[in-house]
Amino acid sequence: MRFTKSSGQTVTAPESNFTGTVYVDGIRNPDEQTAIGCSHVRFTPGARTAWHHHPKGQTLYVTDGIGLVATRSGGIQEIRPGDVVYIEPGEEHWHGATADRFMAHIAMQEADENGRVVTWLDHVSDDDYNAAQGAR
């Protein structure tokens, strides 16, 4: 067994990959024992990720609030506490809070053979985000 005392700090997610204010508590980074990375991510109303994809896919477990997850192919899903979302490897997507609610999730992803867990792309435009609001 390996026990790690809570010692990390909550960090603000970088503007280069997120729109709005997003807070991240790291849970686990890939290392020599496991390729799994995991974080607890909290989105303020209207906050969201940029478009991105994961080489080994991603699982989201919603812990609080109401959010959205969308794919480049046009799929939009409202997400609520207890929902689990699996995003396929290489599938371009974004996720975040609705315009009027906070949303938090646990994000789990596996590193590839080069240690990469995510590839960040362009920001989600306000027009695309607002269209997703209307589609829910």
C-alpha atoms as a PDB file:
ATOM      1  CA  MET A   1       0.000   0.000   0.000  1.00  0.00           C
ATOM      2  CA  ARG A   2       1.115   3.526  -0.728  1.00  0.00           C
ATOM      3  CA  PHE A   3      -0.444   6.378   1.240  1.00  0.00           C
ATOM      4  CA  THR A   4       0.045  10.002   0.276  1.00  0.00           C
ATOM      5  CA  LYS A   5      -0.963  12.735   2.698  1.00  0.00           C
ATOM      6  CA  SER A   6      -2.793  15.668   1.200  1.00  0.00           C
ATOM      7  CA  SER A   7      -0.169  18.317   0.638  1.00  0.00           C
ATOM      8  CA  GLY A   8      -0.951  19.736  -2.766  1.00  0.00           C
ATOM      9  CA  GLN A   9      -2.402  23.157  -3.354  1.00  0.00           C
ATOM     10  CA  THR A  10      -5.419  24.056  -5.406  1.00  0.00           C
ATOM     11  CA  VAL A  11      -4.198  25.703  -8.600  1.00  0.00           C
ATOM     12  CA  THR A  12      -5.984  27.850 -11.138  1.00  0.00           C
ATOM     13  CA  ALA A  13      -6.085  26.173 -14.549  1.00  0.00           C
ATOM     14  CA  PRO A  14      -4.087  27.992 -17.252  1.00  0.00           C
ATOM     15  CA  GLU A  15      -5.879  30.431 -19.557  1.00  0.00           C
ATOM     16  CA  SER A  16      -4.106  28.797 -22.495  1.00  0.00           C
ATOM     17  CA  ASN A  17      -6.295  25.679 -22.057  1.00  0.00           C
ATOM     18  CA  PHE A  18      -9.421  26.966 -20.291  1.00  0.00           C
ATOM     19  CA  THR A  19     -11.994  29.748 -20.584  1.00  0.00           C
ATOM     20  CA  GLY A  20     -13.209  31.233 -17.310  1.00  0.00           C
ATOM     21  CA  THR A  21     -12.051  30.340 -13.821  1.00  0.00           C
ATOM     22  CA  VAL A  22     -11.255  26.671 -13.217  1.00  0.00           C
ATOM     23  CA  TYR A  23      -9.642  25.203 -10.092  1.00  0.00           C
ATOM     24  CA  VAL A  24      -7.657  21.959 -10.110  1.00  0.00           C
ATOM     25  CA  ASP A  25      -6.652  19.695  -7.250  1.00  0.00           C
ATOM     26  CA  GLY A  26      -4.194  17.099  -8.458  1.00  0.00           C
ATOM     27  CA  ILE A  27      -4.871  13.600  -7.140  1.00  0.00           C
ATOM     28  CA  ARG A  28      -2.288  11.513  -8.988  1.00  0.00           C
ATOM     29  CA  ASN A  29       0.207  11.948 -11.797  1.00  0.00           C
ATOM     30  CA  PRO A  30       1.451   9.099 -13.965  1.00  0.00           C
ATOM     31  CA  ASP A  31       4.712   7.656 -12.621  1.00  0.00           C
ATOM     32  CA  GLU A  32       6.781   4.455 -12.667  1.00  0.00           C
ATOM     33  CA  GLN A  33       3.999   2.559 -10.842  1.00  0.00           C
ATOM     34  CA  THR A  34       0.990   3.529 -12.944  1.00  0.00           C
ATOM     35  CA  ALA A  35       0.134   5.405 -16.123  1.00  0.00           C
ATOM     36  CA  ILE A  36      -3.044   6.842 -14.558  1.00  0.00           C
ATOM     37  CA  GLY A  37      -3.413  10.562 -13.948  1.00  0.00           C
ATOM     38  CA  CYS A  38      -6.318  11.977 -11.974  1.00  0.00           C
ATOM     39  CA  SER A  39      -7.531  15.429 -10.840  1.00  0.00           C
ATOM     40  CA  HIS A  40     -10.563  16.988  -9.173  1.00  0.00           C
ATOM     41  CA  VAL A  41     -11.568  19.905 -11.410  1.00  0.00           C
ATOM     42  CA  ARG A  42     -14.014  22.664 -10.399  1.00  0.00           C
ATOM     43  CA  PHE A  43     -15.550  24.959 -13.024  1.00  0.00           C
ATOM     44  CA  THR A  44     -17.224  28.279 -12.203  1.00  0.00           C
ATOM     45  CA  PRO A  45     -20.388  29.122 -14.192  1.00  0.00           C
ATOM     46  CA  GLY A  46     -19.521  29.490 -17.874  1.00  0.00           C
ATOM     47  CA  ALA A  47     -16.011  28.063 -17.486  1.00  0.00           C
ATOM     48  CA  ARG A  48     -14.857  25.298 -19.822  1.00  0.00           C
ATOM     49  CA  THR A  49     -11.872  23.500 -21.281  1.00  0.00           C
ATOM     50  CA  ALA A  50     -10.475  24.194 -24.715  1.00  0.00           C
ATOM     51  CA  TRP A  51     -10.962  21.510 -27.336  1.00  0.00           C
ATOM     52  CA  HIS A  52      -8.611  18.621 -26.573  1.00  0.00           C
ATOM     53  CA  HIS A  53      -8.134  14.863 -26.860  1.00  0.00           C
ATOM     54  CA  HIS A  54      -6.454  12.076 -24.901  1.00  0.00           C
ATOM     55  CA  PRO A  55      -4.292   9.332 -26.438  1.00  0.00           C
ATOM     56  CA  LYS A  56      -5.774   6.641 -24.162  1.00  0.00           C
ATOM     57  CA  GLY A  57      -9.219   8.203 -23.611  1.00  0.00           C
ATOM     58  CA  GLN A  58     -10.626   9.908 -20.538  1.00  0.00           C
ATOM     59  CA  THR A  59     -13.207   9.134 -17.880  1.00  0.00           C
ATOM     60  CA  LEU A  60     -15.096  11.916 -16.100  1.00  0.00           C
ATOM     61  CA  TYR A  61     -17.037  11.340 -12.869  1.00  0.00           C
ATOM     62  CA  VAL A  62     -19.280  14.314 -12.062  1.00  0.00           C
ATOM     63  CA  THR A  63     -19.246  15.196  -8.352  1.00  0.00           C
ATOM     64  CA  ASP A  64     -21.243  18.425  -8.215  1.00  0.00           C
ATOM     65  CA  GLY A  65     -23.314  20.885 -10.223  1.00  0.00           C
ATOM     66  CA  ILE A  66     -24.459  20.809 -13.827  1.00  0.00           C
ATOM     67  CA  GLY A  67     -22.157  20.783 -16.828  1.00  0.00           C
ATOM     68  CA  LEU A  68     -21.797  20.001 -20.487  1.00  0.00           C
ATOM     69  CA  VAL A  69     -19.536  17.742 -22.507  1.00  0.00           C
ATOM     70  CA  ALA A  70     -19.386  18.078 -26.300  1.00  0.00           C
ATOM     71  CA  THR A  71     -17.568  16.427 -29.187  1.00  0.00           C
ATOM     72  CA  ARG A  72     -16.402  17.861 -32.514  1.00  0.00           C
ATOM     73  CA  SER A  73     -18.897  15.599 -34.245  1.00  0.00           C
ATOM     74  CA  GLY A  74     -21.694  17.573 -32.609  1.00  0.00           C
ATOM     75  CA  GLY A  75     -22.620  15.402 -29.667  1.00  0.00           C
ATOM     76  CA  ILE A  76     -23.626  17.501 -26.630  1.00  0.00           C
ATOM     77  CA  GLN A  77     -24.573  15.983 -23.292  1.00  0.00           C
ATOM     78  CA  GLU A  78     -25.680  17.625 -20.056  1.00  0.00           C
ATOM     79  CA  ILE A  79     -23.895  16.055 -17.079  1.00  0.00           C
ATOM     80  CA  ARG A  80     -24.935  15.915 -13.422  1.00  0.00           C
ATOM     81  CA  PRO A  81     -23.601  14.442 -10.145  1.00  0.00           C
ATOM     82  CA  GLY A  82     -23.053  10.692 -10.370  1.00  0.00           C
ATOM     83  CA  ASP A  83     -22.819  10.685 -14.179  1.00  0.00           C
ATOM     84  CA  VAL A  84     -19.822   8.925 -15.720  1.00  0.00           C
ATOM     85  CA  VAL A  85     -18.597   9.931 -19.176  1.00  0.00           C
ATOM     86  CA  TYR A  86     -16.029   7.968 -21.159  1.00  0.00           C
ATOM     87  CA  ILE A  87     -14.381   9.820 -24.033  1.00  0.00           C
ATOM     88  CA  GLU A  88     -12.739   7.575 -26.636  1.00  0.00           C
ATOM     89  CA  PRO A  89      -8.997   7.826 -27.402  1.00  0.00           C
ATOM     90  CA  GLY A  90      -8.325  10.669 -29.829  1.00  0.00           C
ATOM     91  CA  GLU A  91     -11.909  12.007 -29.656  1.00  0.00           C
ATOM     92  CA  GLU A  92     -11.835  15.812 -29.738  1.00  0.00           C
ATOM     93  CA  HIS A  93     -14.067  17.224 -27.008  1.00  0.00           C
ATOM     94  CA  TRP A  94     -14.553  19.887 -24.346  1.00  0.00           C
ATOM     95  CA  HIS A  95     -16.312  19.947 -20.976  1.00  0.00           C
ATOM     96  CA  GLY A  96     -17.287  22.570 -18.439  1.00  0.00           C
ATOM     97  CA  ALA A  97     -20.009  24.213 -16.392  1.00  0.00           C
ATOM     98  CA  THR A  98     -23.304  25.508 -17.715  1.00  0.00           C
ATOM     99  CA  ALA A  99     -23.657  29.282 -17.884  1.00  0.00           C
ATOM    100  CA  ASP A 100     -25.592  29.467 -14.609  1.00  0.00           C
ATOM    101  CA  ARG A 101     -24.181  26.634 -12.456  1.00  0.00           C
ATOM    102  CA  PHE A 102     -20.897  25.440 -11.021  1.00  0.00           C
ATOM    103  CA  MET A 103     -19.735  21.949 -12.030  1.00  0.00           C
ATOM    104  CA  ALA A 104     -17.027  19.684 -10.644  1.00  0.00           C
ATOM    105  CA  HIS A 105     -15.700  16.342 -11.827  1.00  0.00           C
ATOM    106  CA  ILE A 106     -12.933  13.867 -11.279  1.00  0.00           C
ATOM    107  CA  ALA A 107     -10.942  13.533 -14.522  1.00  0.00           C
ATOM    108  CA  MET A 108      -9.034  10.271 -15.071  1.00  0.00           C
ATOM    109  CA  GLN A 109      -6.775   9.552 -18.005  1.00  0.00           C
ATOM    110  CA  GLU A 110      -3.893   7.233 -18.848  1.00  0.00           C
ATOM    111  CA  ALA A 111      -0.532   8.363 -20.206  1.00  0.00           C
ATOM    112  CA  ASP A 112       0.709   6.933 -23.491  1.00  0.00           C
ATOM    113  CA  GLU A 113       4.171   5.404 -23.967  1.00  0.00           C
ATOM    114  CA  ASN A 114       5.650   8.935 -24.188  1.00  0.00           C
ATOM    115  CA  GLY A 115       4.022  10.095 -20.942  1.00  0.00           C
ATOM    116  CA  ARG A 116       1.436  12.285 -22.719  1.00  0.00           C
ATOM    117  CA  VAL A 117      -2.078  12.398 -21.237  1.00  0.00           C
ATOM    118  CA  VAL A 118      -3.626  15.245 -23.270  1.00  0.00           C
ATOM    119  CA  THR A 119      -3.204  17.274 -26.449  1.00  0.00           C
ATOM    120  CA  TRP A 120      -4.682  20.761 -26.198  1.00  0.00           C
ATOM    121  CA  LEU A 121      -6.272  22.406 -29.242  1.00  0.00           C
ATOM    122  CA  ASP A 122      -8.183  25.660 -29.905  1.00  0.00           C
ATOM    123  CA  HIS A 123     -10.511  27.392 -27.458  1.00  0.00           C
ATOM    124  CA  VAL A 124     -14.251  26.760 -27.647  1.00  0.00           C
ATOM    125  CA  SER A 125     -15.784  29.898 -29.145  1.00  0.00           C
ATOM    126  CA  ASP A 126     -18.504  31.766 -27.284  1.00  0.00           C
ATOM    127  CA  ASP A 127     -20.830  31.023 -30.224  1.00  0.00           C
ATOM    128  CA  ASP A 128     -20.195  27.261 -29.957  1.00  0.00           C
ATOM    129  CA  TYR A 129     -20.550  27.358 -26.170  1.00  0.00           C
ATOM    130  CA  ASN A 130     -23.826  29.307 -26.364  1.00  0.00           C
ATOM    131  CA  ALA A 131     -25.154  26.897 -29.010  1.00  0.00           C
ATOM    132  CA  ALA A 132     -24.375  23.999 -26.647  1.00  0.00           C
ATOM    133  CA  GLN A 133     -26.342  25.775 -23.903  1.00  0.00           C
ATOM    134  CA  GLY A 134     -29.361  25.899 -26.188  1.00  0.00           C
ATOM    135  CA  ALA A 135     -29.034  22.238 -27.196  1.00  0.00           C
ATOM    136  CA  ARG A 136     -29.261  20.850 -23.659  1.00  0.00           C
END
